[in-house]
All heavy atoms as atom14 arrays in JSON, in Angstrom:
{
  "sequence": "QLLAGVTDPLRSSEVIATVLQGMSDAPVFALAFAMGLAFLAS",
  "atom14_mask": [
    [1, 1, 1, 1, 1, 1, 1, 1, 1, 0, 0, 0, 0, 0],
    [1, 1, 1, 1, 1, 1, 1, 1, 0, 0, 0, 0, 0, 0],
    [1, 1, 1, 1, 1, 1, 1, 1, 0, 0, 0, 0, 0, 0],
    [1, 1, 1, 1, 1, 0, 0, 0, 0, 0, 0, 0, 0, 0],
    [1, 1, 1, 1, 0, 0, 0, 0, 0, 0, 0, 0, 0, 0],
    [1, 1, 1, 1, 1, 1, 1, 0, 0, 0, 0, 0, 0, 0],
    [1, 1, 1, 1, 1, 1, 1, 0, 0, 0, 0, 0, 0, 0],
    [1, 1, 1, 1, 1, 1, 1, 1, 0, 0, 0, 0, 0, 0],
    [1, 1, 1, 1, 1, 1, 1, 0, 0, 0, 0, 0, 0, 0],
    [1, 1, 1, 1, 1, 1, 1, 1, 0, 0, 0, 0, 0, 0],
    [1, 1, 1, 1, 1, 1, 1, 1, 1, 1, 1, 0, 0, 0],
    [1, 1, 1, 1, 1, 1, 0, 0, 0, 0, 0, 0, 0, 0],
    [1, 1, 1, 1, 1, 1, 0, 0, 0, 0, 0, 0, 0, 0],
    [1, 1, 1, 1, 1, 1, 1, 1, 1, 0, 0, 0, 0, 0],
    [1, 1, 1, 1, 1, 1, 1, 0, 0, 0, 0, 0, 0, 0],
    [1, 1, 1, 1, 1, 1, 1, 1, 0, 0, 0, 0, 0, 0],
    [1, 1, 1, 1, 1, 0, 0, 0, 0, 0, 0, 0, 0, 0],
    [1, 1, 1, 1, 1, 1, 1, 0, 0, 0, 0, 0, 0, 0],
    [1, 1, 1, 1, 1, 1, 1, 0, 0, 0, 0, 0, 0, 0],
    [1, 1, 1, 1, 1, 1, 1, 1, 0, 0, 0, 0, 0, 0],
    [1, 1, 1, 1, 1, 1, 1, 1, 1, 0, 0, 0, 0, 0],
    [1, 1, 1, 1, 0, 0, 0, 0, 0, 0, 0, 0, 0, 0],
    [1, 1, 1, 1, 1, 1, 1, 1, 0, 0, 0, 0, 0, 0],
    [1, 1, 1, 1, 1, 1, 0, 0, 0, 0, 0, 0, 0, 0],
    [1, 1, 1, 1, 1, 1, 1, 1, 0, 0, 0, 0, 0, 0],
    [1, 1, 1, 1, 1, 0, 0, 0, 0, 0, 0, 0, 0, 0],
    [1, 1, 1, 1, 1, 1, 1, 0, 0, 0, 0, 0, 0, 0],
    [1, 1, 1, 1, 1, 1, 1, 0, 0, 0, 0, 0, 0, 0],
    [1, 1, 1, 1, 1, 1, 1, 1, 1, 1, 1, 0, 0, 0],
    [1, 1, 1, 1, 1, 0, 0, 0, 0, 0, 0, 0, 0, 0],
    [1, 1, 1, 1, 1, 1, 1, 1, 0, 0, 0, 0, 0, 0],
    [1, 1, 1, 1, 1, 0, 0, 0, 0, 0, 0, 0, 0, 0],
    [1, 1, 1, 1, 1, 1, 1, 1, 1, 1, 1, 0, 0, 0],
    [1, 1, 1, 1, 1, 0, 0, 0, 0, 0, 0, 0, 0, 0],
    [1, 1, 1, 1, 1, 1, 1, 1, 0, 0, 0, 0, 0, 0],
    [1, 1, 1, 1, 0, 0, 0, 0, 0, 0, 0, 0, 0, 0],
    [1, 1, 1, 1, 1, 1, 1, 1, 0, 0, 0, 0, 0, 0],
    [1, 1, 1, 1, 1, 0, 0, 0, 0, 0, 0, 0, 0, 0],
    [1, 1, 1, 1, 1, 1, 1, 1, 1, 1, 1, 0, 0, 0],
    [1, 1, 1, 1, 1, 1, 1, 1, 0, 0, 0, 0, 0, 0],
    [1, 1, 1, 1, 1, 0, 0, 0, 0, 0, 0, 0, 0, 0],
    [1, 1, 1, 1, 1, 1, 0, 0, 0, 0, 0, 0, 0, 0]
  ],
  "atom14_positions": [
    [[-11.67, 4.59, -12.03], [-12.83, 5.29, -11.35], [-13.24, 4.65, -10.08], [-13.39, 5.32, -8.96], [-14.02, 5.41, -12.24], [-15.2, 6.31, -11.73], [-16.3, 6.32, -12.73], [-16.24, 5.78, -13.8], [-17.41, 7.04, -12.31], [0.0, 0.0, 0.0], [0.0, 0.0, 0.0], [0.0, 0.0, 0.0], [0.0, 0.0, 0.0], [0.0, 0.0, 0.0]],
    [[-13.32, 3.32, -10.1], [-13.63, 2.53, -8.88], [-12.52, 2.67, -7.83], [-12.75, 2.84, -6.63], [-13.85, 1.04, -9.23], [-14.97, 0.71, -10.12], [-15.01, -0.76, -10.45], [-16.33, 1.07, -9.42], [0.0, 0.0, 0.0], [0.0, 0.0, 0.0], [0.0, 0.0, 0.0], [0.0, 0.0, 0.0], [0.0, 0.0, 0.0], [0.0, 0.0, 0.0]],
    [[-11.31, 2.67, -8.28], [-10.14, 2.76, -7.34], [-10.15, 4.12, -6.66], [-9.91, 4.22, -5.4], [-8.8, 2.64, -8.07], [-8.24, 1.21, -8.28], [-7.0, 1.27, -9.08], [-7.95, 0.53, -6.94], [0.0, 0.0, 0.0], [0.0, 0.0, 0.0], [0.0, 0.0, 0.0], [0.0, 0.0, 0.0], [0.0, 0.0, 0.0], [0.0, 0.0, 0.0]],
    [[-10.53, 5.14, -7.44], [-10.57, 6.52, -6.77], [-11.66, 6.52, -5.69], [-11.46, 7.17, -4.7], [-10.9, 7.54, -7.89], [0.0, 0.0, 0.0], [0.0, 0.0, 0.0], [0.0, 0.0, 0.0], [0.0, 0.0, 0.0], [0.0, 0.0, 0.0], [0.0, 0.0, 0.0], [0.0, 0.0, 0.0], [0.0, 0.0, 0.0], [0.0, 0.0, 0.0]],
    [[-12.72, 5.83, -5.92], [-13.79, 5.84, -4.88], [-13.41, 4.98, -3.7], [-13.82, 5.22, -2.56], [0.0, 0.0, 0.0], [0.0, 0.0, 0.0], [0.0, 0.0, 0.0], [0.0, 0.0, 0.0], [0.0, 0.0, 0.0], [0.0, 0.0, 0.0], [0.0, 0.0, 0.0], [0.0, 0.0, 0.0], [0.0, 0.0, 0.0], [0.0, 0.0, 0.0]],
    [[-12.59, 3.94, -3.91], [-12.23, 3.0, -2.86], [-11.18, 3.57, -1.94], [-11.14, 3.39, -0.7], [-11.67, 1.71, -3.49], [-11.1, 0.81, -2.29], [-12.85, 0.93, -4.1], [0.0, 0.0, 0.0], [0.0, 0.0, 0.0], [0.0, 0.0, 0.0], [0.0, 0.0, 0.0], [0.0, 0.0, 0.0], [0.0, 0.0, 0.0], [0.0, 0.0, 0.0]],
    [[-10.25, 4.36, -2.48], [-9.05, 4.81, -1.75], [-9.39, 5.86, -0.74], [-8.69, 6.04, 0.32], [-8.04, 5.41, -2.63], [-8.57, 6.31, -3.55], [-7.35, 4.23, -3.46], [0.0, 0.0, 0.0], [0.0, 0.0, 0.0], [0.0, 0.0, 0.0], [0.0, 0.0, 0.0], [0.0, 0.0, 0.0], [0.0, 0.0, 0.0], [0.0, 0.0, 0.0]],
    [[-10.47, 6.69, -0.95], [-10.88, 7.69, 0.01], [-11.2, 7.2, 1.31], [-10.7, 7.65, 2.39], [-12.0, 8.59, -0.54], [-11.56, 9.51, -1.64], [-10.35, 9.82, -1.69], [-12.35, 9.83, -2.58], [0.0, 0.0, 0.0], [0.0, 0.0, 0.0], [0.0, 0.0, 0.0], [0.0, 0.0, 0.0], [0.0, 0.0, 0.0], [0.0, 0.0, 0.0]],
    [[-12.07, 6.16, 1.48], [-12.38, 5.62, 2.85], [-11.17, 4.94, 3.47], [-11.19, 4.78, 4.72], [-13.46, 4.55, 2.55], [-14.05, 4.92, 1.21], [-12.88, 5.49, 0.45], [0.0, 0.0, 0.0], [0.0, 0.0, 0.0], [0.0, 0.0, 0.0], [0.0, 0.0, 0.0], [0.0, 0.0, 0.0], [0.0, 0.0, 0.0], [0.0, 0.0, 0.0]],
    [[-10.13, 4.53, 2.76], [-9.03, 3.8, 3.33], [-8.29, 4.81, 4.24], [-7.52, 4.34, 5.12], [-8.18, 3.25, 2.24], [-8.75, 2.09, 1.48], [-7.69, 1.65, 0.37], [-9.02, 0.91, 2.44], [0.0, 0.0, 0.0], [0.0, 0.0, 0.0], [0.0, 0.0, 0.0], [0.0, 0.0, 0.0], [0.0, 0.0, 0.0], [0.0, 0.0, 0.0]],
    [[-8.48, 6.12, 4.09], [-7.65, 6.99, 4.94], [-7.99, 6.89, 6.42], [-7.16, 7.12, 7.28], [-7.96, 8.41, 4.47], [-6.94, 9.03, 3.49], [-7.15, 10.43, 3.11], [-8.31, 10.6, 2.23], [-8.68, 11.72, 1.7], [-7.96, 12.83, 1.98], [-9.68, 11.78, 0.85], [0.0, 0.0, 0.0], [0.0, 0.0, 0.0], [0.0, 0.0, 0.0]],
    [[-9.22, 6.46, 6.67], [-9.68, 6.31, 8.04], [-9.43, 4.92, 8.64], [-9.67, 4.68, 9.77], [-11.17, 6.63, 8.09], [-11.89, 5.7, 7.34], [0.0, 0.0, 0.0], [0.0, 0.0, 0.0], [0.0, 0.0, 0.0], [0.0, 0.0, 0.0], [0.0, 0.0, 0.0], [0.0, 0.0, 0.0], [0.0, 0.0, 0.0], [0.0, 0.0, 0.0]],
    [[-8.72, 4.11, 7.83], [-8.49, 2.71, 8.29], [-7.2, 2.65, 9.13], [-6.11, 3.01, 8.59], [-8.43, 1.75, 7.11], [-7.95, 0.48, 7.47], [0.0, 0.0, 0.0], [0.0, 0.0, 0.0], [0.0, 0.0, 0.0], [0.0, 0.0, 0.0], [0.0, 0.0, 0.0], [0.0, 0.0, 0.0], [0.0, 0.0, 0.0], [0.0, 0.0, 0.0]],
    [[-7.3, 2.21, 10.33], [-6.11, 2.14, 11.14], [-5.13, 1.06, 10.67], [-3.92, 1.16, 10.75], [-6.51, 1.83, 12.63], [-7.29, 2.98, 13.24], [-7.61, 2.62, 14.66], [-7.17, 1.55, 15.16], [-8.28, 3.47, 15.35], [0.0, 0.0, 0.0], [0.0, 0.0, 0.0], [0.0, 0.0, 0.0], [0.0, 0.0, 0.0], [0.0, 0.0, 0.0]],
    [[-5.76, -0.04, 10.08], [-4.87, -1.13, 9.68], [-4.0, -0.72, 8.45], [-2.82, -0.91, 8.39], [-5.73, -2.38, 9.32], [-4.93, -3.44, 8.58], [-6.54, -2.88, 10.44], [0.0, 0.0, 0.0], [0.0, 0.0, 0.0], [0.0, 0.0, 0.0], [0.0, 0.0, 0.0], [0.0, 0.0, 0.0], [0.0, 0.0, 0.0], [0.0, 0.0, 0.0]],
    [[-4.71, -0.11, 7.48], [-3.95, 0.4, 6.29], [-3.0, 1.42, 6.69], [-1.8, 1.38, 6.17], [-4.91, 0.94, 5.26], [-6.0, -0.1, 4.82], [-4.21, 1.5, 4.07], [-5.32, -1.26, 4.09], [0.0, 0.0, 0.0], [0.0, 0.0, 0.0], [0.0, 0.0, 0.0], [0.0, 0.0, 0.0], [0.0, 0.0, 0.0], [0.0, 0.0, 0.0]],
    [[-3.32, 2.33, 7.6], [-2.39, 3.4, 7.99], [-1.13, 2.79, 8.7], [-0.04, 3.28, 8.44], [-3.06, 4.3, 9.0], [0.0, 0.0, 0.0], [0.0, 0.0, 0.0], [0.0, 0.0, 0.0], [0.0, 0.0, 0.0], [0.0, 0.0, 0.0], [0.0, 0.0, 0.0], [0.0, 0.0, 0.0], [0.0, 0.0, 0.0], [0.0, 0.0, 0.0]],
    [[-1.36, 1.73, 9.49], [-0.19, 1.05, 10.14], [0.74, 0.46, 9.15], [1.93, 0.54, 9.27], [-0.74, 0.0, 11.19], [-1.6, 0.72, 12.13], [0.41, -0.61, 11.86], [0.0, 0.0, 0.0], [0.0, 0.0, 0.0], [0.0, 0.0, 0.0], [0.0, 0.0, 0.0], [0.0, 0.0, 0.0], [0.0, 0.0, 0.0], [0.0, 0.0, 0.0]],
    [[0.09, -0.28, 8.18], [0.9, -1.0, 7.21], [1.73, 0.03, 6.36], [2.94, -0.17, 6.11], [0.02, -1.86, 6.26], [0.8, -2.41, 5.05], [-0.63, -2.97, 7.06], [0.0, 0.0, 0.0], [0.0, 0.0, 0.0], [0.0, 0.0, 0.0], [0.0, 0.0, 0.0], [0.0, 0.0, 0.0], [0.0, 0.0, 0.0], [0.0, 0.0, 0.0]],
    [[1.1, 1.06, 5.92], [1.75, 2.04, 5.13], [2.87, 2.82, 5.86], [3.9, 3.13, 5.32], [0.81, 3.03, 4.45], [-0.18, 2.39, 3.49], [-1.22, 3.42, 2.91], [0.57, 1.74, 2.28], [0.0, 0.0, 0.0], [0.0, 0.0, 0.0], [0.0, 0.0, 0.0], [0.0, 0.0, 0.0], [0.0, 0.0, 0.0], [0.0, 0.0, 0.0]],
    [[2.57, 3.04, 7.12], [3.59, 3.73, 7.96], [4.79, 2.86, 8.2], [5.88, 3.3, 8.14], [2.93, 4.05, 9.4], [3.9, 4.71, 10.37], [4.42, 6.09, 9.73], [3.62, 6.9, 9.26], [5.69, 6.36, 9.92], [0.0, 0.0, 0.0], [0.0, 0.0, 0.0], [0.0, 0.0, 0.0], [0.0, 0.0, 0.0], [0.0, 0.0, 0.0]],
    [[4.55, 1.5, 8.31], [5.7, 0.65, 8.42], [6.5, 0.66, 7.17], [7.75, 0.52, 7.23], [0.0, 0.0, 0.0], [0.0, 0.0, 0.0], [0.0, 0.0, 0.0], [0.0, 0.0, 0.0], [0.0, 0.0, 0.0], [0.0, 0.0, 0.0], [0.0, 0.0, 0.0], [0.0, 0.0, 0.0], [0.0, 0.0, 0.0], [0.0, 0.0, 0.0]],
    [[5.88, 0.68, 5.98], [6.64, 0.78, 4.73], [7.5, 2.08, 4.61], [8.53, 2.08, 4.07], [5.79, 0.6, 3.55], [5.28, -0.89, 3.39], [4.63, -1.27, 1.68], [3.15, -0.24, 1.8], [0.0, 0.0, 0.0], [0.0, 0.0, 0.0], [0.0, 0.0, 0.0], [0.0, 0.0, 0.0], [0.0, 0.0, 0.0], [0.0, 0.0, 0.0]],
    [[6.92, 3.2, 5.18], [7.61, 4.36, 5.07], [8.91, 4.3, 5.9], [9.92, 4.92, 5.53], [6.73, 5.5, 5.67], [5.6, 5.78, 4.9], [0.0, 0.0, 0.0], [0.0, 0.0, 0.0], [0.0, 0.0, 0.0], [0.0, 0.0, 0.0], [0.0, 0.0, 0.0], [0.0, 0.0, 0.0], [0.0, 0.0, 0.0], [0.0, 0.0, 0.0]],
    [[8.88, 3.56, 7.02], [10.02, 3.44, 7.87], [11.04, 2.4, 7.41], [12.1, 2.24, 7.89], [9.66, 3.12, 9.3], [8.75, 4.25, 9.98], [8.97, 5.36, 9.51], [7.98, 3.95, 10.76], [0.0, 0.0, 0.0], [0.0, 0.0, 0.0], [0.0, 0.0, 0.0], [0.0, 0.0, 0.0], [0.0, 0.0, 0.0], [0.0, 0.0, 0.0]],
    [[10.58, 1.59, 6.34], [11.38, 0.49, 5.82], [11.4, 0.51, 4.36], [10.66, -0.19, 3.75], [10.95, -0.85, 6.4], [0.0, 0.0, 0.0], [0.0, 0.0, 0.0], [0.0, 0.0, 0.0], [0.0, 0.0, 0.0], [0.0, 0.0, 0.0], [0.0, 0.0, 0.0], [0.0, 0.0, 0.0], [0.0, 0.0, 0.0], [0.0, 0.0, 0.0]],
    [[12.16, 1.33, 3.7], [12.11, 1.56, 2.29], [12.52, 0.36, 1.52], [11.95, 0.01, 0.41], [13.17, 2.65, 2.01], [13.98, 2.7, 3.21], [13.19, 2.32, 4.3], [0.0, 0.0, 0.0], [0.0, 0.0, 0.0], [0.0, 0.0, 0.0], [0.0, 0.0, 0.0], [0.0, 0.0, 0.0], [0.0, 0.0, 0.0], [0.0, 0.0, 0.0]],
    [[13.44, -0.46, 2.09], [13.73, -1.77, 1.34], [12.54, -2.71, 1.34], [12.29, -3.35, 0.26], [14.97, -2.49, 2.07], [15.22, -3.83, 1.42], [16.13, -1.55, 2.01], [0.0, 0.0, 0.0], [0.0, 0.0, 0.0], [0.0, 0.0, 0.0], [0.0, 0.0, 0.0], [0.0, 0.0, 0.0], [0.0, 0.0, 0.0], [0.0, 0.0, 0.0]],
    [[11.8, -2.77, 2.4], [10.61, -3.55, 2.37], [9.53, -2.98, 1.44], [8.91, -3.76, 0.78], [10.02, -3.64, 3.77], [8.66, -4.32, 3.83], [8.6, -5.71, 3.79], [7.48, -3.6, 3.95], [7.36, -6.32, 3.87], [6.27, -4.22, 4.05], [6.14, -5.62, 3.99], [0.0, 0.0, 0.0], [0.0, 0.0, 0.0], [0.0, 0.0, 0.0]],
    [[9.44, -1.72, 1.33], [8.56, -1.03, 0.38], [8.86, -1.33, -1.05], [8.0, -1.66, -1.83], [8.47, 0.42, 0.67], [0.0, 0.0, 0.0], [0.0, 0.0, 0.0], [0.0, 0.0, 0.0], [0.0, 0.0, 0.0], [0.0, 0.0, 0.0], [0.0, 0.0, 0.0], [0.0, 0.0, 0.0], [0.0, 0.0, 0.0], [0.0, 0.0, 0.0]],
    [[10.2, -1.38, -1.33], [10.64, -1.66, -2.65], [10.26, -3.11, -3.01], [9.71, -3.37, -4.08], [12.16, -1.52, -2.66], [12.82, -1.83, -4.05], [12.64, -0.65, -5.02], [14.39, -2.02, -3.8], [0.0, 0.0, 0.0], [0.0, 0.0, 0.0], [0.0, 0.0, 0.0], [0.0, 0.0, 0.0], [0.0, 0.0, 0.0], [0.0, 0.0, 0.0]],
    [[10.54, -4.03, -2.02], [10.23, -5.49, -2.25], [8.74, -5.73, -2.43], [8.28, -6.47, -3.25], [10.83, -6.3, -1.14], [0.0, 0.0, 0.0], [0.0, 0.0, 0.0], [0.0, 0.0, 0.0], [0.0, 0.0, 0.0], [0.0, 0.0, 0.0], [0.0, 0.0, 0.0], [0.0, 0.0, 0.0], [0.0, 0.0, 0.0], [0.0, 0.0, 0.0]],
    [[7.92, -4.95, -1.68], [6.48, -5.04, -1.74], [5.96, -4.63, -3.06], [5.12, -5.35, -3.74], [5.84, -4.23, -0.65], [4.34, -4.27, -0.64], [3.67, -5.33, -0.21], [3.65, -3.16, -1.14], [2.26, -5.31, -0.2], [2.23, -3.13, -1.18], [1.58, -4.23, -0.72], [0.0, 0.0, 0.0], [0.0, 0.0, 0.0], [0.0, 0.0, 0.0]],
    [[6.4, -3.5, -3.58], [5.96, -3.06, -4.92], [6.47, -3.95, -6.07], [5.72, -4.18, -6.92], [6.44, -1.62, -5.13], [0.0, 0.0, 0.0], [0.0, 0.0, 0.0], [0.0, 0.0, 0.0], [0.0, 0.0, 0.0], [0.0, 0.0, 0.0], [0.0, 0.0, 0.0], [0.0, 0.0, 0.0], [0.0, 0.0, 0.0], [0.0, 0.0, 0.0]],
    [[7.7, -4.42, -5.85], [8.17, -5.37, -6.82], [7.37, -6.63, -6.92], [7.05, -7.11, -8.01], [9.71, -5.72, -6.42], [10.37, -6.62, -7.4], [12.05, -7.07, -6.99], [11.75, -8.02, -5.5], [0.0, 0.0, 0.0], [0.0, 0.0, 0.0], [0.0, 0.0, 0.0], [0.0, 0.0, 0.0], [0.0, 0.0, 0.0], [0.0, 0.0, 0.0]],
    [[7.01, -7.1, -5.74], [6.17, -8.32, -5.73], [4.8, -8.15, -6.36], [4.25, -8.98, -7.12], [0.0, 0.0, 0.0], [0.0, 0.0, 0.0], [0.0, 0.0, 0.0], [0.0, 0.0, 0.0], [0.0, 0.0, 0.0], [0.0, 0.0, 0.0], [0.0, 0.0, 0.0], [0.0, 0.0, 0.0], [0.0, 0.0, 0.0], [0.0, 0.0, 0.0]],
    [[4.23, -6.97, -6.1], [2.87, -6.69, -6.7], [2.95, -6.61, -8.21], [2.14, -7.23, -8.98], [2.41, -5.28, -6.19], [1.69, -5.27, -4.82], [1.19, -3.86, -4.56], [0.54, -6.24, -4.78], [0.0, 0.0, 0.0], [0.0, 0.0, 0.0], [0.0, 0.0, 0.0], [0.0, 0.0, 0.0], [0.0, 0.0, 0.0], [0.0, 0.0, 0.0]],
    [[4.04, -5.95, -8.72], [4.21, -5.85, -10.14], [4.47, -7.24, -10.79], [3.97, -7.51, -11.91], [5.38, -4.88, -10.52], [0.0, 0.0, 0.0], [0.0, 0.0, 0.0], [0.0, 0.0, 0.0], [0.0, 0.0, 0.0], [0.0, 0.0, 0.0], [0.0, 0.0, 0.0], [0.0, 0.0, 0.0], [0.0, 0.0, 0.0], [0.0, 0.0, 0.0]],
    [[5.17, -8.08, -10.12], [5.46, -9.41, -10.59], [4.17, -10.22, -10.62], [3.9, -10.88, -11.65], [6.49, -10.06, -9.77], [6.63, -11.61, -9.95], [6.99, -12.06, -11.1], [6.29, -12.47, -8.93], [7.07, -13.49, -11.4], [6.4, -13.81, -9.16], [6.77, -14.29, -10.29], [0.0, 0.0, 0.0], [0.0, 0.0, 0.0], [0.0, 0.0, 0.0]],
    [[3.41, -10.2, -9.59], [2.19, -10.95, -9.51], [1.17, -10.43, -10.56], [0.4, -11.21, -11.19], [1.55, -10.88, -8.09], [2.32, -11.55, -7.0], [1.67, -11.3, -5.69], [2.39, -13.09, -7.28], [0.0, 0.0, 0.0], [0.0, 0.0, 0.0], [0.0, 0.0, 0.0], [0.0, 0.0, 0.0], [0.0, 0.0, 0.0], [0.0, 0.0, 0.0]],
    [[1.16, -9.13, -10.84], [0.15, -8.57, -11.79], [0.76, -8.66, -13.15], [-0.03, -8.36, -14.12], [-0.09, -7.11, -11.33], [0.0, 0.0, 0.0], [0.0, 0.0, 0.0], [0.0, 0.0, 0.0], [0.0, 0.0, 0.0], [0.0, 0.0, 0.0], [0.0, 0.0, 0.0], [0.0, 0.0, 0.0], [0.0, 0.0, 0.0], [0.0, 0.0, 0.0]],
    [[2.02, -8.98, -13.31], [2.7, -9.02, -14.65], [2.55, -7.65, -15.33], [2.48, -7.49, -16.58], [2.11, -10.13, -15.49], [2.4, -11.37, -15.01], [0.0, 0.0, 0.0], [0.0, 0.0, 0.0], [0.0, 0.0, 0.0], [0.0, 0.0, 0.0], [0.0, 0.0, 0.0], [0.0, 0.0, 0.0], [0.0, 0.0, 0.0], [0.0, 0.0, 0.0]]
  ]
}
């Protein structure tokens, strides 16, 4: 529930938009990024 409330304002963030756009253009990096998150979170 908290995540749902947090993600809405992030749409207007230029920093977040830039990072996510970079991952869209680099699928290998996106794969590694998600893999790292899952590893850190176990």
